[in-house]
């Protein structure tokens, strides 16, 4: 199990606390420092069953600078979104936990963390 975190994020800290309380084995990826490649983002999106715009933090300054709210959300634009997430990792929703069964969850709630633990 791996968890992508920003240590400054309270939801990330809460997820880590819950994983620790449950005795889970996991690795931490500080994705702002160890930036995921476009291929890694594609793989996580496949595991999540989501599209890049579903995990984009649209209120971040970079999102506004890029004008993401005006970008198309379709198959032709998917690679553009993924490139933006890799170039501006702060735009990636967090935390993301990759579960042992090959799936992943955006673990912003206790329920989502527990869901990842149960997989």
PDB file of N, CA and C in Angstrom:
ATOM      1  N   UNK A   1       0.859  -1.165   0.000  1.00  0.00           N
ATOM      2  CA  UNK A   1       0.000   0.000   0.000  1.00  0.00           C
ATOM      3  C   UNK A   1       0.908   1.232   0.000  1.00  0.00           C
ATOM      4  N   UNK A   2       0.522   2.202  -0.815  1.00  0.00           N
ATOM      5  CA  UNK A   2       1.258   3.465  -0.865  1.00  0.00           C
ATOM      6  C   UNK A   2       0.252   4.600  -0.691  1.00  0.00           C
ATOM      7  N   UNK A   3       0.690   5.656  -0.024  1.00  0.00           N
ATOM      8  CA  UNK A   3      -0.166   6.817   0.146  1.00  0.00           C
ATOM      9  C   UNK A   3       0.579   8.043  -0.355  1.00  0.00           C
ATOM     10  N   UNK A   4      -0.063   8.768  -1.265  1.00  0.00           N
ATOM     11  CA  UNK A   4       0.491  10.024  -1.788  1.00  0.00           C
ATOM     12  C   UNK A   4       0.009  11.133  -0.873  1.00  0.00           C
ATOM     13  N   UNK A   5       0.957  11.866  -0.296  1.00  0.00           N
ATOM     14  CA  UNK A   5       0.579  12.911   0.662  1.00  0.00           C
ATOM     15  C   UNK A   5       1.322  14.211   0.426  1.00  0.00           C
ATOM     16  N   UNK A   6       0.724  15.250   0.988  1.00  0.00           N
ATOM     17  CA  UNK A   6       1.368  16.540   1.211  1.00  0.00           C
ATOM     18  C   UNK A   6       1.358  16.677   2.738  1.00  0.00           C
ATOM     19  N   UNK A   7       2.526  16.683   3.382  1.00  0.00           N
ATOM     20  CA  UNK A   7       2.555  16.716   4.846  1.00  0.00           C
ATOM     21  C   UNK A   7       1.839  17.925   5.456  1.00  0.00           C
ATOM     22  N   UNK A   8       1.660  18.987   4.688  1.00  0.00           N
ATOM     23  CA  UNK A   8       0.974  20.175   5.203  1.00  0.00           C
ATOM     24  C   UNK A   8      -0.548  20.011   5.203  1.00  0.00           C
ATOM     25  N   UNK A   9      -1.037  18.944   4.608  1.00  0.00           N
ATOM     26  CA  UNK A   9      -2.484  18.723   4.451  1.00  0.00           C
ATOM     27  C   UNK A   9      -3.062  17.983   5.653  1.00  0.00           C
ATOM     28  N   UNK A  10      -4.082  18.541   6.272  1.00  0.00           N
ATOM     29  CA  UNK A  10      -4.692  17.907   7.446  1.00  0.00           C
ATOM     30  C   UNK A  10      -5.360  16.580   7.094  1.00  0.00           C
ATOM     31  N   UNK A  11      -5.955  16.457   5.916  1.00  0.00           N
ATOM     32  CA  UNK A  11      -6.581  15.187   5.508  1.00  0.00           C
ATOM     33  C   UNK A  11      -5.523  14.097   5.356  1.00  0.00           C
ATOM     34  N   UNK A  12      -4.335  14.489   4.862  1.00  0.00           N
ATOM     35  CA  UNK A  12      -3.231  13.526   4.726  1.00  0.00           C
ATOM     36  C   UNK A  12      -2.758  13.063   6.099  1.00  0.00           C
ATOM     37  N   UNK A  13      -2.598  14.010   6.995  1.00  0.00           N
ATOM     38  CA  UNK A  13      -2.153  13.657   8.347  1.00  0.00           C
ATOM     39  C   UNK A  13      -3.175  12.756   9.031  1.00  0.00           C
ATOM     40  N   UNK A  14      -4.453  13.039   8.846  1.00  0.00           N
ATOM     41  CA  UNK A  14      -5.508  12.199   9.435  1.00  0.00           C
ATOM     42  C   UNK A  14      -5.464  10.789   8.862  1.00  0.00           C
ATOM     43  N   UNK A  15      -5.249  10.674   7.553  1.00  0.00           N
ATOM     44  CA  UNK A  15      -5.185   9.356   6.915  1.00  0.00           C
ATOM     45  C   UNK A  15      -3.999   8.561   7.454  1.00  0.00           C
ATOM     46  N   UNK A  16      -2.848   9.219   7.581  1.00  0.00           N
ATOM     47  CA  UNK A  16      -1.647   8.558   8.123  1.00  0.00           C
ATOM     48  C   UNK A  16      -1.907   8.098   9.563  1.00  0.00           C
ATOM     49  N   UNK A  17      -2.537   8.949  10.357  1.00  0.00           N
ATOM     50  CA  UNK A  17      -2.843   8.587  11.748  1.00  0.00           C
ATOM     51  C   UNK A  17      -3.725   7.350  11.806  1.00  0.00           C
ATOM     52  N   UNK A  18      -4.715   7.278  10.947  1.00  0.00           N
ATOM     53  CA  UNK A  18      -5.614   6.129  10.930  1.00  0.00           C
ATOM     54  C   UNK A  18      -4.875   4.873  10.461  1.00  0.00           C
ATOM     55  N   UNK A  19      -4.053   5.000   9.419  1.00  0.00           N
ATOM     56  CA  UNK A  19      -3.270   3.848   8.964  1.00  0.00           C
ATOM     57  C   UNK A  19      -2.374   3.340  10.091  1.00  0.00           C
ATOM     58  N   UNK A  20      -1.735   4.273  10.801  1.00  0.00           N
ATOM     59  CA  UNK A  20      -0.867   3.890  11.916  1.00  0.00           C
ATOM     60  C   UNK A  20      -1.674   3.213  13.028  1.00  0.00           C
ATOM     61  N   UNK A  21      -2.836   3.783  13.355  1.00  0.00           N
ATOM     62  CA  UNK A  21      -3.674   3.218  14.421  1.00  0.00           C
ATOM     63  C   UNK A  21      -4.127   1.800  14.082  1.00  0.00           C
ATOM     64  N   UNK A  22      -4.304   1.540  12.790  1.00  0.00           N
ATOM     65  CA  UNK A  22      -4.744   0.213  12.350  1.00  0.00           C
ATOM     66  C   UNK A  22      -3.571  -0.741  12.117  1.00  0.00           C
ATOM     67  N   UNK A  23      -2.350  -0.238  12.307  1.00  0.00           N
ATOM     68  CA  UNK A  23      -1.166  -1.083  12.125  1.00  0.00           C
ATOM     69  C   UNK A  23      -0.897  -1.453  10.675  1.00  0.00           C
ATOM     70  N   UNK A  24      -1.351  -0.618   9.751  1.00  0.00           N
ATOM     71  CA  UNK A  24      -1.177  -0.908   8.323  1.00  0.00           C
ATOM     72  C   UNK A  24       0.281  -0.736   7.903  1.00  0.00           C
ATOM     73  N   UNK A  25       0.677  -1.564   6.958  1.00  0.00           N
ATOM     74  CA  UNK A  25       1.993  -1.412   6.353  1.00  0.00           C
ATOM     75  C   UNK A  25       1.810  -0.597   5.085  1.00  0.00           C
ATOM     76  N   UNK A  26       2.580   0.477   4.963  1.00  0.00           N
ATOM     77  CA  UNK A  26       2.435   1.352   3.809  1.00  0.00           C
ATOM     78  C   UNK A  26       3.729   2.127   3.593  1.00  0.00           C
ATOM     79  N   UNK A  27       3.843   2.678   2.406  1.00  0.00           N
ATOM     80  CA  UNK A  27       4.946   3.591   2.115  1.00  0.00           C
ATOM     81  C   UNK A  27       4.341   4.950   1.811  1.00  0.00           C
ATOM     82  N   UNK A  28       5.080   5.974   2.166  1.00  0.00           N
ATOM     83  CA  UNK A  28       4.641   7.353   1.955  1.00  0.00           C
ATOM     84  C   UNK A  28       5.334   7.909   0.727  1.00  0.00           C
ATOM     85  N   UNK A  29       4.573   8.539  -0.123  1.00  0.00           N
ATOM     86  CA  UNK A  29       5.130   9.269  -1.253  1.00  0.00           C
ATOM     87  C   UNK A  29       4.737  10.726  -1.101  1.00  0.00           C
ATOM     88  N   UNK A  30       5.732  11.547  -0.865  1.00  0.00           N
ATOM     89  CA  UNK A  30       5.493  12.994  -0.813  1.00  0.00           C
ATOM     90  C   UNK A  30       5.491  13.485  -2.252  1.00  0.00           C
ATOM     91  N   UNK A  31       4.313  13.484  -2.843  1.00  0.00           N
ATOM     92  CA  UNK A  31       4.210  13.665  -4.281  1.00  0.00           C
ATOM     93  C   UNK A  31       4.590  15.066  -4.774  1.00  0.00           C
ATOM     94  N   UNK A  32       4.716  16.038  -3.863  1.00  0.00           N
ATOM     95  CA  UNK A  32       5.192  17.354  -4.292  1.00  0.00           C
ATOM     96  C   UNK A  32       6.706  17.347  -4.489  1.00  0.00           C
ATOM     97  N   UNK A  33       7.385  16.442  -3.794  1.00  0.00           N
ATOM     98  CA  UNK A  33       8.838  16.300  -3.921  1.00  0.00           C
ATOM     99  C   UNK A  33       9.198  15.192  -4.910  1.00  0.00           C
ATOM    100  N   UNK A  34       8.479  14.082  -4.826  1.00  0.00           N
ATOM    101  CA  UNK A  34       8.676  12.938  -5.712  1.00  0.00           C
ATOM    102  C   UNK A  34       7.501  12.943  -6.694  1.00  0.00           C
ATOM    103  N   UNK A  35       7.599  13.834  -7.674  1.00  0.00           N
ATOM    104  CA  UNK A  35       6.473  14.125  -8.567  1.00  0.00           C
ATOM    105  C   UNK A  35       6.162  12.918  -9.458  1.00  0.00           C
ATOM    106  N   UNK A  36       4.898  12.506  -9.489  1.00  0.00           N
ATOM    107  CA  UNK A  36       4.527  11.383 -10.346  1.00  0.00           C
ATOM    108  C   UNK A  36       4.660  11.744 -11.830  1.00  0.00           C
ATOM    109  N   UNK A  37       5.114  10.758 -12.598  1.00  0.00           N
ATOM    110  CA  UNK A  37       5.189  10.938 -14.045  1.00  0.00           C
ATOM    111  C   UNK A  37       3.784  10.871 -14.628  1.00  0.00           C
ATOM    112  N   UNK A  38       3.670  11.241 -15.884  1.00  0.00           N
ATOM    113  CA  UNK A  38       2.375  11.140 -16.551  1.00  0.00           C
ATOM    114  C   UNK A  38       1.897   9.688 -16.554  1.00  0.00           C
ATOM    115  N   UNK A  39       2.819   8.743 -16.778  1.00  0.00           N
ATOM    116  CA  UNK A  39       2.432   7.322 -16.779  1.00  0.00           C
ATOM    117  C   UNK A  39       1.967   6.870 -15.401  1.00  0.00           C
ATOM    118  N   UNK A  40       2.617   7.353 -14.349  1.00  0.00           N
ATOM    119  CA  UNK A  40       2.183   6.995 -12.992  1.00  0.00           C
ATOM    120  C   UNK A  40       0.800   7.570 -12.701  1.00  0.00           C
ATOM    121  N   UNK A  41       0.541   8.780 -13.172  1.00  0.00           N
ATOM    122  CA  UNK A  41      -0.787   9.379 -12.981  1.00  0.00           C
ATOM    123  C   UNK A  41      -1.833   8.574 -13.742  1.00  0.00           C
ATOM    124  N   UNK A  42      -1.519   8.175 -14.968  1.00  0.00           N
ATOM    125  CA  UNK A  42      -2.455   7.338 -15.734  1.00  0.00           C
ATOM    126  C   UNK A  42      -2.760   6.041 -14.975  1.00  0.00           C
ATOM    127  N   UNK A  43      -1.712   5.412 -14.427  1.00  0.00           N
ATOM    128  CA  UNK A  43      -1.897   4.152 -13.697  1.00  0.00           C
ATOM    129  C   UNK A  43      -2.781   4.347 -12.471  1.00  0.00           C
ATOM    130  N   UNK A  44      -2.563   5.438 -11.732  1.00  0.00           N
ATOM    131  CA  UNK A  44      -3.386   5.709 -10.554  1.00  0.00           C
ATOM    132  C   UNK A  44      -4.826   6.013 -10.967  1.00  0.00           C
ATOM    133  N   UNK A  45      -5.000   6.757 -12.043  1.00  0.00           N
ATOM    134  CA  UNK A  45      -6.359   7.035 -12.528  1.00  0.00           C
ATOM    135  C   UNK A  45      -7.069   5.737 -12.895  1.00  0.00           C
ATOM    136  N   UNK A  46      -6.356   4.817 -13.545  1.00  0.00           N
ATOM    137  CA  UNK A  46      -6.951   3.521 -13.882  1.00  0.00           C
ATOM    138  C   UNK A  46      -7.354   2.781 -12.614  1.00  0.00           C
ATOM    139  N   UNK A  47      -6.484   2.816 -11.605  1.00  0.00           N
ATOM    140  CA  UNK A  47      -6.780   2.136 -10.337  1.00  0.00           C
ATOM    141  C   UNK A  47      -7.961   2.789  -9.630  1.00  0.00           C
ATOM    142  N   UNK A  48      -8.060   4.126  -9.744  1.00  0.00           N
ATOM    143  CA  UNK A  48      -9.162   4.853  -9.114  1.00  0.00           C
ATOM    144  C   UNK A  48     -10.472   4.686  -9.886  1.00  0.00           C
ATOM    145  N   UNK A  49     -10.356   4.439 -11.186  1.00  0.00           N
ATOM    146  CA  UNK A  49     -11.548   4.423 -12.035  1.00  0.00           C
ATOM    147  C   UNK A  49     -12.072   5.830 -12.276  1.00  0.00           C
ATOM    148  N   UNK A  50     -11.155   6.803 -12.274  1.00  0.00           N
ATOM    149  CA  UNK A  50     -11.531   8.206 -12.437  1.00  0.00           C
ATOM    150  C   UNK A  50     -10.795   8.835 -13.609  1.00  0.00           C
ATOM    151  N   UNK A  51     -11.213  10.029 -13.956  1.00  0.00           N
ATOM    152  CA  UNK A  51     -10.553  10.826 -14.986  1.00  0.00           C
ATOM    153  C   UNK A  51      -9.696  11.889 -14.306  1.00  0.00           C
ATOM    154  N   UNK A  52      -8.730  12.461 -15.029  1.00  0.00           N
ATOM    155  CA  UNK A  52      -7.832  13.434 -14.386  1.00  0.00           C
ATOM    156  C   UNK A  52      -8.561  14.639 -13.797  1.00  0.00           C
ATOM    157  N   UNK A  53      -9.607  15.093 -14.437  1.00  0.00           N
ATOM    158  CA  UNK A  53     -10.344  16.251 -13.917  1.00  0.00           C
ATOM    159  C   UNK A  53     -11.081  15.906 -12.618  1.00  0.00           C
ATOM    160  N   UNK A  54     -11.301  14.611 -12.362  1.00  0.00           N
ATOM    161  CA  UNK A  54     -11.951  14.183 -11.120  1.00  0.00           C
ATOM    162  C   UNK A  54     -11.026  14.310  -9.910  1.00  0.00           C
ATOM    163  N   UNK A  55      -9.702  14.314 -10.137  1.00  0.00           N
ATOM    164  CA  UNK A  55      -8.756  14.404  -9.019  1.00  0.00           C
ATOM    165  C   UNK A  55      -7.966  15.710  -9.058  1.00  0.00           C
ATOM    166  N   UNK A  56      -8.498  16.700  -9.763  1.00  0.00           N
ATOM    167  CA  UNK A  56      -7.805  17.981  -9.882  1.00  0.00           C
ATOM    168  C   UNK A  56      -8.358  18.976  -8.876  1.00  0.00           C
ATOM    169  N   UNK A  57      -7.444  19.605  -8.157  1.00  0.00           N
ATOM    170  CA  UNK A  57      -7.802  20.646  -7.184  1.00  0.00           C
ATOM    171  C   UNK A  57      -7.956  21.959  -7.960  1.00  0.00           C
ATOM    172  N   UNK A  58      -9.172  22.252  -8.344  1.00  0.00           N
ATOM    173  CA  UNK A  58      -9.430  23.375  -9.250  1.00  0.00           C
ATOM    174  C   UNK A  58      -9.356  24.747  -8.585  1.00  0.00           C
ATOM    175  N   UNK A  59      -9.269  24.771  -7.256  1.00  0.00           N
ATOM    176  CA  UNK A  59      -9.186  26.066  -6.572  1.00  0.00           C
ATOM    177  C   UNK A  59      -7.743  26.523  -6.341  1.00  0.00           C
ATOM    178  N   UNK A  60      -6.770  25.679  -6.704  1.00  0.00           N
ATOM    179  CA  UNK A  60      -5.364  26.057  -6.562  1.00  0.00           C
ATOM    180  C   UNK A  60      -5.020  27.187  -7.538  1.00  0.00           C
ATOM    181  N   UNK A  61      -4.042  27.986  -7.149  1.00  0.00           N
ATOM    182  CA  UNK A  61      -3.604  29.100  -7.995  1.00  0.00           C
ATOM    183  C   UNK A  61      -3.191  28.622  -9.385  1.00  0.00           C
ATOM    184  N   UNK A  62      -2.478  27.509  -9.450  1.00  0.00           N
ATOM    185  CA  UNK A  62      -2.026  26.996 -10.745  1.00  0.00           C
ATOM    186  C   UNK A  62      -3.208  26.642 -11.645  1.00  0.00           C
ATOM    187  N   UNK A  63      -4.280  26.126 -11.060  1.00  0.00           N
ATOM    188  CA  UNK A  63      -5.469  25.790 -11.847  1.00  0.00           C
ATOM    189  C   UNK A  63      -6.076  27.038 -12.464  1.00  0.00           C
ATOM    190  N   UNK A  64      -6.096  28.093 -11.685  1.00  0.00           N
ATOM    191  CA  UNK A  64      -6.641  29.350 -12.186  1.00  0.00           C
ATOM    192  C   UNK A  64      -5.739  29.943 -13.253  1.00  0.00           C
ATOM    193  N   UNK A  65      -4.419  29.868 -13.026  1.00  0.00           N
ATOM    194  CA  UNK A  65      -3.464  30.382 -14.015  1.00  0.00           C
ATOM    195  C   UNK A  65      -3.571  29.626 -15.334  1.00  0.00           C
ATOM    196  N   UNK A  66      -3.774  28.323 -15.258  1.00  0.00           N
ATOM    197  CA  UNK A  66      -3.902  27.505 -16.466  1.00  0.00           C
ATOM    198  C   UNK A  66      -5.275  27.629 -17.116  1.00  0.00           C
ATOM    199  N   UNK A  67      -6.235  28.165 -16.384  1.00  0.00           N
ATOM    200  CA  UNK A  67      -7.599  28.277 -16.908  1.00  0.00           C
ATOM    201  C   UNK A  67      -8.304  26.933 -16.992  1.00  0.00           C
ATOM    202  N   UNK A  68      -8.032  26.033 -16.031  1.00  0.00           N
ATOM    203  CA  UNK A  68      -8.581  24.680 -16.082  1.00  0.00           C
ATOM    204  C   UNK A  68     -10.102  24.639 -16.143  1.00  0.00           C
ATOM    205  N   UNK A  69     -10.748  25.617 -15.548  1.00  0.00           N
ATOM    206  CA  UNK A  69     -12.219  25.570 -15.553  1.00  0.00           C
ATOM    207  C   UNK A  69     -12.784  25.638 -16.966  1.00  0.00           C
ATOM    208  N   UNK A  70     -11.972  26.121 -17.910  1.00  0.00           N
ATOM    209  CA  UNK A  70     -12.423  26.227 -19.295  1.00  0.00           C
ATOM    210  C   UNK A  70     -11.967  25.059 -20.164  1.00  0.00           C
ATOM    211  N   UNK A  71     -11.198  24.137 -19.582  1.00  0.00           N
ATOM    212  CA  UNK A  71     -10.712  23.001 -20.370  1.00  0.00           C
ATOM    213  C   UNK A  71     -11.822  21.976 -20.562  1.00  0.00           C
ATOM    214  N   UNK A  72     -11.830  21.381 -21.742  1.00  0.00           N
ATOM    215  CA  UNK A  72     -12.795  20.314 -22.025  1.00  0.00           C
ATOM    216  C   UNK A  72     -12.493  19.104 -21.148  1.00  0.00           C
ATOM    217  N   UNK A  73     -13.546  18.416 -20.771  1.00  0.00           N
ATOM    218  CA  UNK A  73     -13.420  17.188 -19.972  1.00  0.00           C
ATOM    219  C   UNK A  73     -13.876  16.030 -20.853  1.00  0.00           C
ATOM    220  N   UNK A  74     -12.985  15.661 -21.779  1.00  0.00           N
ATOM    221  CA  UNK A  74     -13.310  14.594 -22.722  1.00  0.00           C
ATOM    222  C   UNK A  74     -12.049  13.806 -23.069  1.00  0.00           C
ATOM    223  N   UNK A  75     -12.228  12.733 -23.812  1.00  0.00           N
ATOM    224  CA  UNK A  75     -11.116  11.834 -24.139  1.00  0.00           C
ATOM    225  C   UNK A  75      -9.995  12.568 -24.876  1.00  0.00           C
ATOM    226  N   UNK A  76     -10.347  13.512 -25.738  1.00  0.00           N
ATOM    227  CA  UNK A  76      -9.328  14.243 -26.487  1.00  0.00           C
ATOM    228  C   UNK A  76      -8.481  15.146 -25.593  1.00  0.00           C
ATOM    229  N   UNK A  77      -9.006  15.549 -24.458  1.00  0.00           N
ATOM    230  CA  UNK A  77      -8.303  16.452 -23.544  1.00  0.00           C
ATOM    231  C   UNK A  77      -7.622  15.729 -22.385  1.00  0.00           C
ATOM    232  N   UNK A  78      -7.829  14.445 -22.277  1.00  0.00           N
ATOM    233  CA  UNK A  78      -7.315  13.676 -21.131  1.00  0.00           C
ATOM    234  C   UNK A  78      -5.806  13.836 -20.950  1.00  0.00           C
ATOM    235  N   UNK A  79      -5.046  13.688 -22.030  1.00  0.00           N
ATOM    236  CA  UNK A  79      -3.590  13.788 -21.924  1.00  0.00           C
ATOM    237  C   UNK A  79      -3.143  15.186 -21.490  1.00  0.00           C
ATOM    238  N   UNK A  80      -3.862  16.199 -21.927  1.00  0.00           N
ATOM    239  CA  UNK A  80      -3.542  17.576 -21.521  1.00  0.00           C
ATOM    240  C   UNK A  80      -3.717  17.735 -20.006  1.00  0.00           C
ATOM    241  N   UNK A  81      -4.790  17.189 -19.475  1.00  0.00           N
ATOM    242  CA  UNK A  81      -5.038  17.235 -18.032  1.00  0.00           C
ATOM    243  C   UNK A  81      -3.952  16.489 -17.272  1.00  0.00           C
ATOM    244  N   UNK A  82      -3.593  15.296 -17.763  1.00  0.00           N
ATOM    245  CA  UNK A  82      -2.566  14.492 -17.097  1.00  0.00           C
ATOM    246  C   UNK A  82      -1.230  15.224 -17.111  1.00  0.00           C
ATOM    247  N   UNK A  83      -0.883  15.841 -18.218  1.00  0.00           N
ATOM    248  CA  UNK A  83       0.363  16.614 -18.308  1.00  0.00           C
ATOM    249  C   UNK A  83       0.355  17.756 -17.296  1.00  0.00           C
ATOM    250  N   UNK A  84      -0.789  18.405 -17.135  1.00  0.00           N
ATOM    251  CA  UNK A  84      -0.900  19.511 -16.174  1.00  0.00           C
ATOM    252  C   UNK A  84      -0.710  19.003 -14.740  1.00  0.00           C
ATOM    253  N   UNK A  85      -1.270  17.839 -14.420  1.00  0.00           N
ATOM    254  CA  UNK A  85      -1.111  17.278 -13.072  1.00  0.00           C
ATOM    255  C   UNK A  85       0.349  16.929 -12.790  1.00  0.00           C
ATOM    256  N   UNK A  86       1.037  16.417 -13.790  1.00  0.00           N
ATOM    257  CA  UNK A  86       2.437  16.066 -13.598  1.00  0.00           C
ATOM    258  C   UNK A  86       3.310  17.318 -13.503  1.00  0.00           C
ATOM    259  N   UNK A  87       2.992  18.321 -14.300  1.00  0.00           N
ATOM    260  CA  UNK A  87       3.772  19.566 -14.283  1.00  0.00           C
ATOM    261  C   UNK A  87       3.486  20.407 -13.037  1.00  0.00           C
ATOM    262  N   UNK A  88       2.285  20.265 -12.487  1.00  0.00           N
ATOM    263  CA  UNK A  88       1.851  21.039 -11.320  1.00  0.00           C
ATOM    264  C   UNK A  88       1.238  20.075 -10.296  1.00  0.00           C
ATOM    265  N   UNK A  89       2.080  19.285  -9.609  1.00  0.00           N
ATOM    266  CA  UNK A  89       1.539  18.245  -8.726  1.00  0.00           C
ATOM    267  C   UNK A  89       0.654  18.764  -7.598  1.00  0.00           C
ATOM    268  N   UNK A  90       0.765  20.030  -7.271  1.00  0.00           N
ATOM    269  CA  UNK A  90      -0.102  20.587  -6.229  1.00  0.00           C
ATOM    270  C   UNK A  90      -1.579  20.487  -6.634  1.00  0.00           C
ATOM    271  N   UNK A  91      -1.825  20.306  -7.924  1.00  0.00           N
ATOM    272  CA  UNK A  91      -3.193  20.179  -8.417  1.00  0.00           C
ATOM    273  C   UNK A  91      -3.812  18.815  -8.125  1.00  0.00           C
ATOM    274  N   UNK A  92      -2.993  17.828  -7.741  1.00  0.00           N
ATOM    275  CA  UNK A  92      -3.501  16.476  -7.503  1.00  0.00           C
ATOM    276  C   UNK A  92      -4.202  16.415  -6.141  1.00  0.00           C
ATOM    277  N   UNK A  93      -5.432  15.925  -6.190  1.00  0.00           N
ATOM    278  CA  UNK A  93      -6.201  15.734  -4.950  1.00  0.00           C
ATOM    279  C   UNK A  93      -5.457  14.761  -4.045  1.00  0.00           C
ATOM    280  N   UNK A  94      -5.567  14.946  -2.774  1.00  0.00           N
ATOM    281  CA  UNK A  94      -4.835  14.134  -1.814  1.00  0.00           C
ATOM    282  C   UNK A  94      -5.683  13.865  -0.582  1.00  0.00           C
ATOM    283  N   UNK A  95      -5.306  12.847   0.155  1.00  0.00           N
ATOM    284  CA  UNK A  95      -4.323  11.804  -0.147  1.00  0.00           C
ATOM    285  C   UNK A  95      -4.916  10.751  -1.076  1.00  0.00           C
ATOM    286  N   UNK A  96      -4.051  10.064  -1.783  1.00  0.00           N
ATOM    287  CA  UNK A  96      -4.462   8.931  -2.612  1.00  0.00           C
ATOM    288  C   UNK A  96      -3.765   7.700  -2.053  1.00  0.00           C
ATOM    289  N   UNK A  97      -4.561   6.668  -1.792  1.00  0.00           N
ATOM    290  CA  UNK A  97      -4.018   5.402  -1.298  1.00  0.00           C
ATOM    291  C   UNK A  97      -4.191   4.353  -2.388  1.00  0.00           C
ATOM    292  N   UNK A  98      -3.085   3.701  -2.732  1.00  0.00           N
ATOM    293  CA  UNK A  98      -3.158   2.562  -3.644  1.00  0.00           C
ATOM    294  C   UNK A  98      -3.266   1.311  -2.779  1.00  0.00           C
ATOM    295  N   UNK A  99      -4.350   0.593  -2.966  1.00  0.00           N
ATOM    296  CA  UNK A  99      -4.654  -0.567  -2.130  1.00  0.00           C
ATOM    297  C   UNK A  99      -3.957  -1.826  -2.647  1.00  0.00           C
ATOM    298  N   UNK A 100      -3.909  -2.815  -1.788  1.00  0.00           N
ATOM    299  CA  UNK A 100      -3.222  -4.075  -2.104  1.00  0.00           C
ATOM    300  C   UNK A 100      -3.890  -4.833  -3.254  1.00  0.00           C
ATOM    301  N   UNK A 101      -5.180  -4.611  -3.476  1.00  0.00           N
ATOM    302  CA  UNK A 101      -5.888  -5.372  -4.515  1.00  0.00           C
ATOM    303  C   UNK A 101      -5.770  -4.751  -5.901  1.00  0.00           C
ATOM    304  N   UNK A 102      -4.934  -3.708  -6.029  1.00  0.00           N
ATOM    305  CA  UNK A 102      -4.748  -3.081  -7.334  1.00  0.00           C
ATOM    306  C   UNK A 102      -5.641  -1.883  -7.584  1.00  0.00           C
ATOM    307  N   UNK A 103      -6.515  -1.577  -6.627  1.00  0.00           N
ATOM    308  CA  UNK A 103      -7.370  -0.404  -6.756  1.00  0.00           C
ATOM    309  C   UNK A 103      -6.732   0.761  -5.997  1.00  0.00           C
ATOM    310  N   UNK A 104      -7.410   1.884  -5.987  1.00  0.00           N
ATOM    311  CA  UNK A 104      -6.952   3.049  -5.236  1.00  0.00           C
ATOM    312  C   UNK A 104      -8.166   3.850  -4.800  1.00  0.00           C
ATOM    313  N   UNK A 105      -7.958   4.709  -3.794  1.00  0.00           N
ATOM    314  CA  UNK A 105      -9.022   5.594  -3.326  1.00  0.00           C
ATOM    315  C   UNK A 105      -8.440   6.966  -3.034  1.00  0.00           C
ATOM    316  N   UNK A 106      -9.264   7.988  -3.249  1.00  0.00           N
ATOM    317  CA  UNK A 106      -8.936   9.322  -2.756  1.00  0.00           C
ATOM    318  C   UNK A 106      -9.432   9.314  -1.315  1.00  0.00           C
ATOM    319  N   UNK A 107      -8.495   9.336  -0.385  1.00  0.00           N
ATOM    320  CA  UNK A 107      -8.797   9.051   1.023  1.00  0.00           C
ATOM    321  C   UNK A 107      -8.993  10.316   1.853  1.00  0.00           C
ATOM    322  N   UNK A 108      -9.983  11.115   1.480  1.00  0.00           N
ATOM    323  CA  UNK A 108     -10.229  12.368   2.181  1.00  0.00           C
ATOM    324  C   UNK A 108     -11.126  12.188   3.400  1.00  0.00           C
ATOM    325  N   UNK A 109     -11.639  10.985   3.589  1.00  0.00           N
ATOM    326  CA  UNK A 109     -12.490  10.728   4.757  1.00  0.00           C
ATOM    327  C   UNK A 109     -12.017   9.456   5.455  1.00  0.00           C
ATOM    328  N   UNK A 110     -12.422   9.302   6.713  1.00  0.00           N
ATOM    329  CA  UNK A 110     -12.086   8.089   7.466  1.00  0.00           C
ATOM    330  C   UNK A 110     -12.662   6.864   6.765  1.00  0.00           C
ATOM    331  N   UNK A 111     -13.870   6.994   6.224  1.00  0.00           N
ATOM    332  CA  UNK A 111     -14.509   5.879   5.531  1.00  0.00           C
ATOM    333  C   UNK A 111     -13.678   5.429   4.331  1.00  0.00           C
ATOM    334  N   UNK A 112     -13.126   6.389   3.581  1.00  0.00           N
ATOM    335  CA  UNK A 112     -12.324   6.050   2.405  1.00  0.00           C
ATOM    336  C   UNK A 112     -11.028   5.354   2.809  1.00  0.00           C
ATOM    337  N   UNK A 113     -10.416   5.792   3.897  1.00  0.00           N
ATOM    338  CA  UNK A 113      -9.190   5.145   4.386  1.00  0.00           C
ATOM    339  C   UNK A 113      -9.525   3.717   4.802  1.00  0.00           C
ATOM    340  N   UNK A 114     -10.623   3.546   5.535  1.00  0.00           N
ATOM    341  CA  UNK A 114     -11.020   2.203   5.979  1.00  0.00           C
ATOM    342  C   UNK A 114     -11.352   1.314   4.774  1.00  0.00           C
ATOM    343  N   UNK A 115     -11.936   1.906   3.747  1.00  0.00           N
ATOM    344  CA  UNK A 115     -12.232   1.161   2.520  1.00  0.00           C
ATOM    345  C   UNK A 115     -10.925   0.635   1.913  1.00  0.00           C
ATOM    346  N   UNK A 116      -9.898   1.493   1.838  1.00  0.00           N
ATOM    347  CA  UNK A 116      -8.611   1.065   1.299  1.00  0.00           C
ATOM    348  C   UNK A 116      -7.991  -0.032   2.157  1.00  0.00           C
ATOM    349  N   UNK A 117      -8.138   0.078   3.458  1.00  0.00           N
ATOM    350  CA  UNK A 117      -7.592  -0.939   4.363  1.00  0.00           C
ATOM    351  C   UNK A 117      -8.278  -2.292   4.189  1.00  0.00           C
ATOM    352  N   UNK A 118      -9.540  -2.271   3.806  1.00  0.00           N
ATOM    353  CA  UNK A 118     -10.289  -3.518   3.692  1.00  0.00           C
ATOM    354  C   UNK A 118     -10.043  -4.248   2.370  1.00  0.00           C
ATOM    355  N   UNK A 119      -9.339  -3.613   1.457  1.00  0.00           N
ATOM    356  CA  UNK A 119      -9.139  -4.212   0.126  1.00  0.00           C
ATOM    357  C   UNK A 119      -7.957  -5.146   0.089  1.00  0.00           C
TER     358      UNK A 119
END
